């Protein structure tokens, strides 16, 4: 989103750190005096890597951390779920490719 649009959206919000979510894409962005933080996803990464991500705020320092893991057991369990095969395939692909 463009800087000016973000500033409009944040107008009237008095916060140093604003936590966002649902995009599954990890990011930290400074807009004005605020930091926008999206921790990413533990279960459906959408950032191009098959790693889980989370955000850490320690001593005033923000960072995104990655956890590499083998998605195969989860992919296998998805294949056993009572969901449409196309949905299962898509979820398995997301876990394997991170997008």
PDB file of N, CA and C in Angstrom:
ATOM      1  N   UNK A   1       0.845  -1.168   0.000  1.00  0.00           N
ATOM      2  CA  UNK A   1       0.000   0.000   0.000  1.00  0.00           C
ATOM      3  C   UNK A   1       0.895   1.238   0.000  1.00  0.00           C
ATOM      4  N   UNK A   2       0.467   2.237  -0.679  1.00  0.00           N
ATOM      5  CA  UNK A   2       1.242   3.474  -0.787  1.00  0.00           C
ATOM      6  C   UNK A   2       1.355   4.171   0.570  1.00  0.00           C
ATOM      7  N   UNK A   3       2.464   4.836   0.769  1.00  0.00           N
ATOM      8  CA  UNK A   3       2.756   5.525   2.034  1.00  0.00           C
ATOM      9  C   UNK A   3       1.645   6.488   2.427  1.00  0.00           C
ATOM     10  N   UNK A   4       1.173   7.301   1.486  1.00  0.00           N
ATOM     11  CA  UNK A   4       0.140   8.294   1.821  1.00  0.00           C
ATOM     12  C   UNK A   4      -1.176   7.616   2.214  1.00  0.00           C
ATOM     13  N   UNK A   5      -1.520   6.500   1.583  1.00  0.00           N
ATOM     14  CA  UNK A   5      -2.736   5.765   1.926  1.00  0.00           C
ATOM     15  C   UNK A   5      -2.609   5.165   3.323  1.00  0.00           C
ATOM     16  N   UNK A   6      -1.446   4.609   3.633  1.00  0.00           N
ATOM     17  CA  UNK A   6      -1.218   4.060   4.973  1.00  0.00           C
ATOM     18  C   UNK A   6      -1.326   5.153   6.038  1.00  0.00           C
ATOM     19  N   UNK A   7      -0.761   6.303   5.757  1.00  0.00           N
ATOM     20  CA  UNK A   7      -0.844   7.411   6.721  1.00  0.00           C
ATOM     21  C   UNK A   7      -2.302   7.802   6.977  1.00  0.00           C
ATOM     22  N   UNK A   8      -3.120   7.813   5.910  1.00  0.00           N
ATOM     23  CA  UNK A   8      -4.554   8.094   6.064  1.00  0.00           C
ATOM     24  C   UNK A   8      -5.223   7.046   6.948  1.00  0.00           C
ATOM     25  N   UNK A   9      -4.918   5.775   6.698  1.00  0.00           N
ATOM     26  CA  UNK A   9      -5.515   4.677   7.466  1.00  0.00           C
ATOM     27  C   UNK A   9      -5.120   4.747   8.940  1.00  0.00           C
ATOM     28  N   UNK A  10      -3.919   5.215   9.223  1.00  0.00           N
ATOM     29  CA  UNK A  10      -3.409   5.261  10.592  1.00  0.00           C
ATOM     30  C   UNK A  10      -3.746   6.559  11.315  1.00  0.00           C
ATOM     31  N   UNK A  11      -4.349   7.517  10.610  1.00  0.00           N
ATOM     32  CA  UNK A  11      -4.678   8.808  11.202  1.00  0.00           C
ATOM     33  C   UNK A  11      -5.560   8.595  12.444  1.00  0.00           C
ATOM     34  N   UNK A  12      -5.145   9.171  13.548  1.00  0.00           N
ATOM     35  CA  UNK A  12      -5.905   9.066  14.790  1.00  0.00           C
ATOM     36  C   UNK A  12      -5.525   7.877  15.661  1.00  0.00           C
ATOM     37  N   UNK A  13      -4.646   7.012  15.167  1.00  0.00           N
ATOM     38  CA  UNK A  13      -4.189   5.880  15.973  1.00  0.00           C
ATOM     39  C   UNK A  13      -2.903   6.288  16.675  1.00  0.00           C
ATOM     40  N   UNK A  14      -2.933   6.268  17.998  1.00  0.00           N
ATOM     41  CA  UNK A  14      -1.772   6.665  18.787  1.00  0.00           C
ATOM     42  C   UNK A  14      -1.070   5.398  19.282  1.00  0.00           C
ATOM     43  N   UNK A  15      -0.160   4.868  18.460  1.00  0.00           N
ATOM     44  CA  UNK A  15       0.549   3.638  18.823  1.00  0.00           C
ATOM     45  C   UNK A  15       1.928   3.640  18.186  1.00  0.00           C
ATOM     46  N   UNK A  16       2.876   3.056  18.882  1.00  0.00           N
ATOM     47  CA  UNK A  16       4.224   2.916  18.344  1.00  0.00           C
ATOM     48  C   UNK A  16       4.346   1.668  17.469  1.00  0.00           C
ATOM     49  N   UNK A  17       3.588   0.618  17.839  1.00  0.00           N
ATOM     50  CA  UNK A  17       3.617  -0.656  17.121  1.00  0.00           C
ATOM     51  C   UNK A  17       2.182  -1.078  16.848  1.00  0.00           C
ATOM     52  N   UNK A  18       1.912  -1.424  15.596  1.00  0.00           N
ATOM     53  CA  UNK A  18       0.587  -1.892  15.201  1.00  0.00           C
ATOM     54  C   UNK A  18       0.758  -3.278  14.606  1.00  0.00           C
ATOM     55  N   UNK A  19       0.072  -4.255  15.203  1.00  0.00           N
ATOM     56  CA  UNK A  19       0.159  -5.633  14.745  1.00  0.00           C
ATOM     57  C   UNK A  19      -0.963  -5.919  13.751  1.00  0.00           C
ATOM     58  N   UNK A  20      -0.586  -6.517  12.634  1.00  0.00           N
ATOM     59  CA  UNK A  20      -1.526  -6.862  11.576  1.00  0.00           C
ATOM     60  C   UNK A  20      -1.454  -8.353  11.324  1.00  0.00           C
ATOM     61  N   UNK A  21      -2.341  -8.863  10.506  1.00  0.00           N
ATOM     62  CA  UNK A  21      -2.287 -10.276  10.195  1.00  0.00           C
ATOM     63  C   UNK A  21      -3.141 -10.634   9.002  1.00  0.00           C
ATOM     64  N   UNK A  22      -3.287 -11.887   8.783  1.00  0.00           N
ATOM     65  CA  UNK A  22      -4.121 -12.557   7.795  1.00  0.00           C
ATOM     66  C   UNK A  22      -3.522 -12.630   6.397  1.00  0.00           C
ATOM     67  N   UNK A  23      -2.475 -11.910   6.092  1.00  0.00           N
ATOM     68  CA  UNK A  23      -1.879 -12.019   4.754  1.00  0.00           C
ATOM     69  C   UNK A  23      -0.916 -13.191   4.670  1.00  0.00           C
ATOM     70  N   UNK A  24      -0.468 -13.683   5.810  1.00  0.00           N
ATOM     71  CA  UNK A  24       0.500 -14.785   5.883  1.00  0.00           C
ATOM     72  C   UNK A  24       1.871 -14.381   5.336  1.00  0.00           C
ATOM     73  N   UNK A  25       2.093 -13.095   5.149  1.00  0.00           N
ATOM     74  CA  UNK A  25       3.362 -12.582   4.631  1.00  0.00           C
ATOM     75  C   UNK A  25       4.033 -11.757   5.730  1.00  0.00           C
ATOM     76  N   UNK A  26       5.199 -12.202   6.213  1.00  0.00           N
ATOM     77  CA  UNK A  26       5.863 -11.462   7.283  1.00  0.00           C
ATOM     78  C   UNK A  26       6.420 -10.129   6.788  1.00  0.00           C
ATOM     79  N   UNK A  27       6.249  -9.105   7.631  1.00  0.00           N
ATOM     80  CA  UNK A  27       6.765  -7.788   7.243  1.00  0.00           C
ATOM     81  C   UNK A  27       6.833  -6.870   8.451  1.00  0.00           C
ATOM     82  N   UNK A  28       7.803  -5.990   8.421  1.00  0.00           N
ATOM     83  CA  UNK A  28       7.895  -4.883   9.366  1.00  0.00           C
ATOM     84  C   UNK A  28       8.117  -3.636   8.522  1.00  0.00           C
ATOM     85  N   UNK A  29       7.260  -2.654   8.728  1.00  0.00           N
ATOM     86  CA  UNK A  29       7.349  -1.423   7.934  1.00  0.00           C
ATOM     87  C   UNK A  29       7.101  -0.228   8.845  1.00  0.00           C
ATOM     88  N   UNK A  30       7.925   0.779   8.678  1.00  0.00           N
ATOM     89  CA  UNK A  30       7.752   2.010   9.455  1.00  0.00           C
ATOM     90  C   UNK A  30       6.937   2.998   8.628  1.00  0.00           C
ATOM     91  N   UNK A  31       5.892   3.531   9.258  1.00  0.00           N
ATOM     92  CA  UNK A  31       5.060   4.560   8.635  1.00  0.00           C
ATOM     93  C   UNK A  31       4.926   5.683   9.651  1.00  0.00           C
ATOM     94  N   UNK A  32       5.517   6.809   9.342  1.00  0.00           N
ATOM     95  CA  UNK A  32       5.533   7.896  10.307  1.00  0.00           C
ATOM     96  C   UNK A  32       6.291   7.462  11.542  1.00  0.00           C
ATOM     97  N   UNK A  33       5.649   7.566  12.704  1.00  0.00           N
ATOM     98  CA  UNK A  33       6.286   7.159  13.964  1.00  0.00           C
ATOM     99  C   UNK A  33       5.906   5.744  14.379  1.00  0.00           C
ATOM    100  N   UNK A  34       5.108   5.059  13.571  1.00  0.00           N
ATOM    101  CA  UNK A  34       4.627   3.726  13.951  1.00  0.00           C
ATOM    102  C   UNK A  34       5.306   2.632  13.134  1.00  0.00           C
ATOM    103  N   UNK A  35       5.441   1.490  13.755  1.00  0.00           N
ATOM    104  CA  UNK A  35       5.903   0.291  13.056  1.00  0.00           C
ATOM    105  C   UNK A  35       4.685  -0.600  12.792  1.00  0.00           C
ATOM    106  N   UNK A  36       4.487  -1.004  11.551  1.00  0.00           N
ATOM    107  CA  UNK A  36       3.461  -1.972  11.203  1.00  0.00           C
ATOM    108  C   UNK A  36       4.137  -3.331  11.159  1.00  0.00           C
ATOM    109  N   UNK A  37       3.576  -4.296  11.881  1.00  0.00           N
ATOM    110  CA  UNK A  37       4.198  -5.617  11.981  1.00  0.00           C
ATOM    111  C   UNK A  37       3.176  -6.681  11.610  1.00  0.00           C
ATOM    112  N   UNK A  38       3.531  -7.502  10.629  1.00  0.00           N
ATOM    113  CA  UNK A  38       2.754  -8.691  10.305  1.00  0.00           C
ATOM    114  C   UNK A  38       3.683  -9.871  10.558  1.00  0.00           C
ATOM    115  N   UNK A  39       3.374 -10.724  11.537  1.00  0.00           N
ATOM    116  CA  UNK A  39       4.292 -11.806  11.888  1.00  0.00           C
ATOM    117  C   UNK A  39       4.388 -12.922  10.856  1.00  0.00           C
ATOM    118  N   UNK A  40       3.492 -12.949   9.877  1.00  0.00           N
ATOM    119  CA  UNK A  40       3.524 -14.008   8.879  1.00  0.00           C
ATOM    120  C   UNK A  40       2.610 -15.136   9.271  1.00  0.00           C
ATOM    121  N   UNK A  41       3.099 -16.370   9.224  1.00  0.00           N
ATOM    122  CA  UNK A  41       2.237 -17.517   9.480  1.00  0.00           C
ATOM    123  C   UNK A  41       3.025 -18.706  10.009  1.00  0.00           C
ATOM    124  N   UNK A  42       2.438 -19.396  10.951  1.00  0.00           N
ATOM    125  CA  UNK A  42       3.016 -20.648  11.414  1.00  0.00           C
ATOM    126  C   UNK A  42       2.517 -21.815  10.576  1.00  0.00           C
ATOM    127  N   UNK A  43       1.349 -21.671   9.949  1.00  0.00           N
ATOM    128  CA  UNK A  43       0.756 -22.805   9.262  1.00  0.00           C
ATOM    129  C   UNK A  43       0.566 -22.693   7.774  1.00  0.00           C
ATOM    130  N   UNK A  44       0.517 -21.483   7.236  1.00  0.00           N
ATOM    131  CA  UNK A  44       0.333 -21.315   5.795  1.00  0.00           C
ATOM    132  C   UNK A  44       1.228 -20.194   5.286  1.00  0.00           C
ATOM    133  N   UNK A  45       2.522 -20.453   5.181  1.00  0.00           N
ATOM    134  CA  UNK A  45       3.441 -19.396   4.734  1.00  0.00           C
ATOM    135  C   UNK A  45       3.120 -18.951   3.304  1.00  0.00           C
ATOM    136  N   UNK A  46       3.179 -17.653   3.074  1.00  0.00           N
ATOM    137  CA  UNK A  46       2.909 -17.107   1.739  1.00  0.00           C
ATOM    138  C   UNK A  46       4.020 -16.161   1.300  1.00  0.00           C
ATOM    139  N   UNK A  47       5.233 -16.406   1.778  1.00  0.00           N
ATOM    140  CA  UNK A  47       6.346 -15.504   1.476  1.00  0.00           C
ATOM    141  C   UNK A  47       7.408 -16.157   0.589  1.00  0.00           C
ATOM    142  N   UNK A  48       7.087 -17.298   0.001  1.00  0.00           N
ATOM    143  CA  UNK A  48       8.011 -17.918  -0.939  1.00  0.00           C
ATOM    144  C   UNK A  48       8.992 -18.895  -0.344  1.00  0.00           C
ATOM    145  N   UNK A  49       8.927 -19.092   0.956  1.00  0.00           N
ATOM    146  CA  UNK A  49       9.766 -20.071   1.639  1.00  0.00           C
ATOM    147  C   UNK A  49       8.863 -20.954   2.498  1.00  0.00           C
ATOM    148  N   UNK A  50       9.137 -22.241   2.571  1.00  0.00           N
ATOM    149  CA  UNK A  50       8.275 -23.114   3.377  1.00  0.00           C
ATOM    150  C   UNK A  50       8.633 -23.106   4.858  1.00  0.00           C
ATOM    151  N   UNK A  51       8.872 -21.940   5.403  1.00  0.00           N
ATOM    152  CA  UNK A  51       9.218 -21.829   6.820  1.00  0.00           C
ATOM    153  C   UNK A  51       8.108 -21.096   7.563  1.00  0.00           C
ATOM    154  N   UNK A  52       7.936 -21.468   8.817  1.00  0.00           N
ATOM    155  CA  UNK A  52       7.013 -20.739   9.676  1.00  0.00           C
ATOM    156  C   UNK A  52       7.695 -19.445  10.105  1.00  0.00           C
ATOM    157  N   UNK A  53       6.919 -18.398  10.311  1.00  0.00           N
ATOM    158  CA  UNK A  53       7.488 -17.120  10.749  1.00  0.00           C
ATOM    159  C   UNK A  53       6.703 -16.573  11.932  1.00  0.00           C
ATOM    160  N   UNK A  54       7.395 -15.770  12.715  1.00  0.00           N
ATOM    161  CA  UNK A  54       6.763 -15.083  13.829  1.00  0.00           C
ATOM    162  C   UNK A  54       7.560 -13.814  14.108  1.00  0.00           C
ATOM    163  N   UNK A  55       6.939 -12.896  14.811  1.00  0.00           N
ATOM    164  CA  UNK A  55       7.591 -11.628  15.134  1.00  0.00           C
ATOM    165  C   UNK A  55       8.024 -11.626  16.593  1.00  0.00           C
ATOM    166  N   UNK A  56       9.154 -10.974  16.851  1.00  0.00           N
ATOM    167  CA  UNK A  56       9.683 -10.829  18.206  1.00  0.00           C
ATOM    168  C   UNK A  56       9.930  -9.347  18.463  1.00  0.00           C
ATOM    169  N   UNK A  57       9.492  -8.915  19.605  1.00  0.00           N
ATOM    170  CA  UNK A  57       9.755  -7.550  20.053  1.00  0.00           C
ATOM    171  C   UNK A  57      10.533  -7.684  21.352  1.00  0.00           C
ATOM    172  N   UNK A  58      11.830  -7.357  21.307  1.00  0.00           N
ATOM    173  CA  UNK A  58      12.687  -7.508  22.469  1.00  0.00           C
ATOM    174  C   UNK A  58      13.508  -6.249  22.672  1.00  0.00           C
ATOM    175  N   UNK A  59      13.371  -5.678  23.835  1.00  0.00           N
ATOM    176  CA  UNK A  59      14.102  -4.452  24.179  1.00  0.00           C
ATOM    177  C   UNK A  59      13.933  -3.363  23.125  1.00  0.00           C
ATOM    178  N   UNK A  60      12.713  -3.213  22.614  1.00  0.00           N
ATOM    179  CA  UNK A  60      12.422  -2.180  21.630  1.00  0.00           C
ATOM    180  C   UNK A  60      12.848  -2.500  20.214  1.00  0.00           C
ATOM    181  N   UNK A  61      13.375  -3.682  19.997  1.00  0.00           N
ATOM    182  CA  UNK A  61      13.825  -4.095  18.666  1.00  0.00           C
ATOM    183  C   UNK A  61      12.847  -5.129  18.104  1.00  0.00           C
ATOM    184  N   UNK A  62      12.355  -4.876  16.889  1.00  0.00           N
ATOM    185  CA  UNK A  62      11.423  -5.783  16.224  1.00  0.00           C
ATOM    186  C   UNK A  62      12.150  -6.598  15.163  1.00  0.00           C
ATOM    187  N   UNK A  63      11.814  -7.876  15.067  1.00  0.00           N
ATOM    188  CA  UNK A  63      12.373  -8.681  13.983  1.00  0.00           C
ATOM    189  C   UNK A  63      11.455  -9.857  13.677  1.00  0.00           C
ATOM    190  N   UNK A  64      11.567 -10.350  12.459  1.00  0.00           N
ATOM    191  CA  UNK A  64      10.848 -11.531  12.009  1.00  0.00           C
ATOM    192  C   UNK A  64      11.808 -12.713  12.118  1.00  0.00           C
ATOM    193  N   UNK A  65      11.334 -13.803  12.697  1.00  0.00           N
ATOM    194  CA  UNK A  65      12.152 -15.007  12.799  1.00  0.00           C
ATOM    195  C   UNK A  65      11.505 -16.121  11.986  1.00  0.00           C
ATOM    196  N   UNK A  66      12.352 -17.005  11.475  1.00  0.00           N
ATOM    197  CA  UNK A  66      11.906 -18.141  10.662  1.00  0.00           C
ATOM    198  C   UNK A  66      12.224 -19.445  11.386  1.00  0.00           C
ATOM    199  N   UNK A  67      11.338 -20.411  11.240  1.00  0.00           N
ATOM    200  CA  UNK A  67      11.571 -21.757  11.752  1.00  0.00           C
ATOM    201  C   UNK A  67      11.444 -22.711  10.569  1.00  0.00           C
ATOM    202  N   UNK A  68      12.528 -23.379  10.234  1.00  0.00           N
ATOM    203  CA  UNK A  68      12.479 -24.379   9.174  1.00  0.00           C
ATOM    204  C   UNK A  68      12.002 -25.702   9.773  1.00  0.00           C
ATOM    205  N   UNK A  69      11.121 -26.365   9.053  1.00  0.00           N
ATOM    206  CA  UNK A  69      10.622 -27.656   9.511  1.00  0.00           C
ATOM    207  C   UNK A  69      10.217 -28.485   8.296  1.00  0.00           C
ATOM    208  N   UNK A  70      10.069 -29.765   8.498  1.00  0.00           N
ATOM    209  CA  UNK A  70       9.652 -30.672   7.436  1.00  0.00           C
ATOM    210  C   UNK A  70       8.124 -30.657   7.362  1.00  0.00           C
ATOM    211  N   UNK A  71       7.550 -30.143   6.275  1.00  0.00           N
ATOM    212  CA  UNK A  71       6.093 -30.071   6.187  1.00  0.00           C
ATOM    213  C   UNK A  71       5.428 -31.399   5.812  1.00  0.00           C
ATOM    214  N   UNK A  72       6.223 -32.423   5.514  1.00  0.00           N
ATOM    215  CA  UNK A  72       5.670 -33.688   5.022  1.00  0.00           C
ATOM    216  C   UNK A  72       4.614 -34.307   5.946  1.00  0.00           C
ATOM    217  N   UNK A  73       4.848 -34.410   7.258  1.00  0.00           N
ATOM    218  CA  UNK A  73       3.811 -34.995   8.114  1.00  0.00           C
ATOM    219  C   UNK A  73       2.475 -34.237   8.041  1.00  0.00           C
ATOM    220  N   UNK A  74       2.545 -32.923   8.017  1.00  0.00           N
ATOM    221  CA  UNK A  74       1.315 -32.121   7.929  1.00  0.00           C
ATOM    222  C   UNK A  74       0.669 -32.290   6.562  1.00  0.00           C
ATOM    223  N   UNK A  75       1.475 -32.296   5.508  1.00  0.00           N
ATOM    224  CA  UNK A  75       0.933 -32.512   4.168  1.00  0.00           C
ATOM    225  C   UNK A  75       0.222 -33.865   4.095  1.00  0.00           C
ATOM    226  N   UNK A  76       0.794 -34.891   4.700  1.00  0.00           N
ATOM    227  CA  UNK A  76       0.173 -36.216   4.702  1.00  0.00           C
ATOM    228  C   UNK A  76      -1.162 -36.202   5.447  1.00  0.00           C
ATOM    229  N   UNK A  77      -1.218 -35.498   6.573  1.00  0.00           N
ATOM    230  CA  UNK A  77      -2.459 -35.400   7.338  1.00  0.00           C
ATOM    231  C   UNK A  77      -3.536 -34.651   6.554  1.00  0.00           C
ATOM    232  N   UNK A  78      -3.136 -33.625   5.823  1.00  0.00           N
ATOM    233  CA  UNK A  78      -4.095 -32.890   4.998  1.00  0.00           C
ATOM    234  C   UNK A  78      -4.725 -33.829   3.968  1.00  0.00           C
ATOM    235  N   UNK A  79      -3.905 -34.722   3.410  1.00  0.00           N
ATOM    236  CA  UNK A  79      -4.413 -35.674   2.427  1.00  0.00           C
ATOM    237  C   UNK A  79      -5.461 -36.616   2.990  1.00  0.00           C
ATOM    238  N   UNK A  80      -5.508 -36.774   4.313  1.00  0.00           N
ATOM    239  CA  UNK A  80      -6.474 -37.657   4.961  1.00  0.00           C
ATOM    240  C   UNK A  80      -7.747 -36.930   5.405  1.00  0.00           C
ATOM    241  N   UNK A  81      -7.731 -35.615   5.290  1.00  0.00           N
ATOM    242  CA  UNK A  81      -8.872 -34.825   5.755  1.00  0.00           C
ATOM    243  C   UNK A  81     -10.056 -34.952   4.794  1.00  0.00           C
ATOM    244  N   UNK A  82     -11.240 -34.764   5.348  1.00  0.00           N
ATOM    245  CA  UNK A  82     -12.463 -34.829   4.551  1.00  0.00           C
ATOM    246  C   UNK A  82     -12.741 -33.463   3.917  1.00  0.00           C
ATOM    247  N   UNK A  83     -11.844 -33.054   3.016  1.00  0.00           N
ATOM    248  CA  UNK A  83     -12.037 -31.808   2.276  1.00  0.00           C
ATOM    249  C   UNK A  83     -11.877 -32.112   0.787  1.00  0.00           C
ATOM    250  N   UNK A  84     -12.306 -31.180  -0.036  1.00  0.00           N
ATOM    251  CA  UNK A  84     -12.217 -31.385  -1.476  1.00  0.00           C
ATOM    252  C   UNK A  84     -10.761 -31.585  -1.885  1.00  0.00           C
ATOM    253  N   UNK A  85     -10.508 -32.517  -2.802  1.00  0.00           N
ATOM    254  CA  UNK A  85      -9.132 -32.815  -3.211  1.00  0.00           C
ATOM    255  C   UNK A  85      -8.364 -31.589  -3.701  1.00  0.00           C
ATOM    256  N   UNK A  86      -9.035 -30.679  -4.399  1.00  0.00           N
ATOM    257  CA  UNK A  86      -8.357 -29.471  -4.899  1.00  0.00           C
ATOM    258  C   UNK A  86      -7.867 -28.611  -3.744  1.00  0.00           C
ATOM    259  N   UNK A  87      -8.686 -28.512  -2.688  1.00  0.00           N
ATOM    260  CA  UNK A  87      -8.300 -27.721  -1.515  1.00  0.00           C
ATOM    261  C   UNK A  87      -7.125 -28.391  -0.813  1.00  0.00           C
ATOM    262  N   UNK A  88      -7.186 -29.705  -0.664  1.00  0.00           N
ATOM    263  CA  UNK A  88      -6.089 -30.432  -0.021  1.00  0.00           C
ATOM    264  C   UNK A  88      -4.795 -30.239  -0.799  1.00  0.00           C
ATOM    265  N   UNK A  89      -4.862 -30.350  -2.109  1.00  0.00           N
ATOM    266  CA  UNK A  89      -3.670 -30.172  -2.943  1.00  0.00           C
ATOM    267  C   UNK A  89      -3.106 -28.769  -2.796  1.00  0.00           C
ATOM    268  N   UNK A  90      -3.982 -27.777  -2.760  1.00  0.00           N
ATOM    269  CA  UNK A  90      -3.524 -26.386  -2.635  1.00  0.00           C
ATOM    270  C   UNK A  90      -2.834 -26.167  -1.284  1.00  0.00           C
ATOM    271  N   UNK A  91      -3.427 -26.671  -0.207  1.00  0.00           N
ATOM    272  CA  UNK A  91      -2.811 -26.526   1.112  1.00  0.00           C
ATOM    273  C   UNK A  91      -1.469 -27.244   1.185  1.00  0.00           C
ATOM    274  N   UNK A  92      -1.388 -28.422   0.602  1.00  0.00           N
ATOM    275  CA  UNK A  92      -0.120 -29.167   0.578  1.00  0.00           C
ATOM    276  C   UNK A  92       0.945 -28.401  -0.201  1.00  0.00           C
ATOM    277  N   UNK A  93       0.529 -27.776  -1.291  1.00  0.00           N
ATOM    278  CA  UNK A  93       1.466 -26.986  -2.099  1.00  0.00           C
ATOM    279  C   UNK A  93       1.967 -25.770  -1.326  1.00  0.00           C
ATOM    280  N   UNK A  94       1.064 -25.083  -0.641  1.00  0.00           N
ATOM    281  CA  UNK A  94       1.438 -23.905   0.151  1.00  0.00           C
ATOM    282  C   UNK A  94       2.482 -24.286   1.199  1.00  0.00           C
ATOM    283  N   UNK A  95       2.239 -25.409   1.876  1.00  0.00           N
ATOM    284  CA  UNK A  95       3.191 -25.843   2.900  1.00  0.00           C
ATOM    285  C   UNK A  95       4.541 -26.216   2.310  1.00  0.00           C
ATOM    286  N   UNK A  96       4.547 -26.798   1.118  1.00  0.00           N
ATOM    287  CA  UNK A  96       5.790 -27.225   0.491  1.00  0.00           C
ATOM    288  C   UNK A  96       6.583 -26.118  -0.171  1.00  0.00           C
ATOM    289  N   UNK A  97       5.879 -25.108  -0.688  1.00  0.00           N
ATOM    290  CA  UNK A  97       6.567 -24.042  -1.441  1.00  0.00           C
ATOM    291  C   UNK A  97       6.564 -22.689  -0.729  1.00  0.00           C
ATOM    292  N   UNK A  98       5.678 -22.525   0.225  1.00  0.00           N
ATOM    293  CA  UNK A  98       5.588 -21.228   0.904  1.00  0.00           C
ATOM    294  C   UNK A  98       4.885 -20.174   0.091  1.00  0.00           C
ATOM    295  N   UNK A  99       4.043 -20.619  -0.824  1.00  0.00           N
ATOM    296  CA  UNK A  99       3.222 -19.682  -1.605  1.00  0.00           C
ATOM    297  C   UNK A  99       2.145 -20.395  -2.353  1.00  0.00           C
TER     298      UNK A  99
END
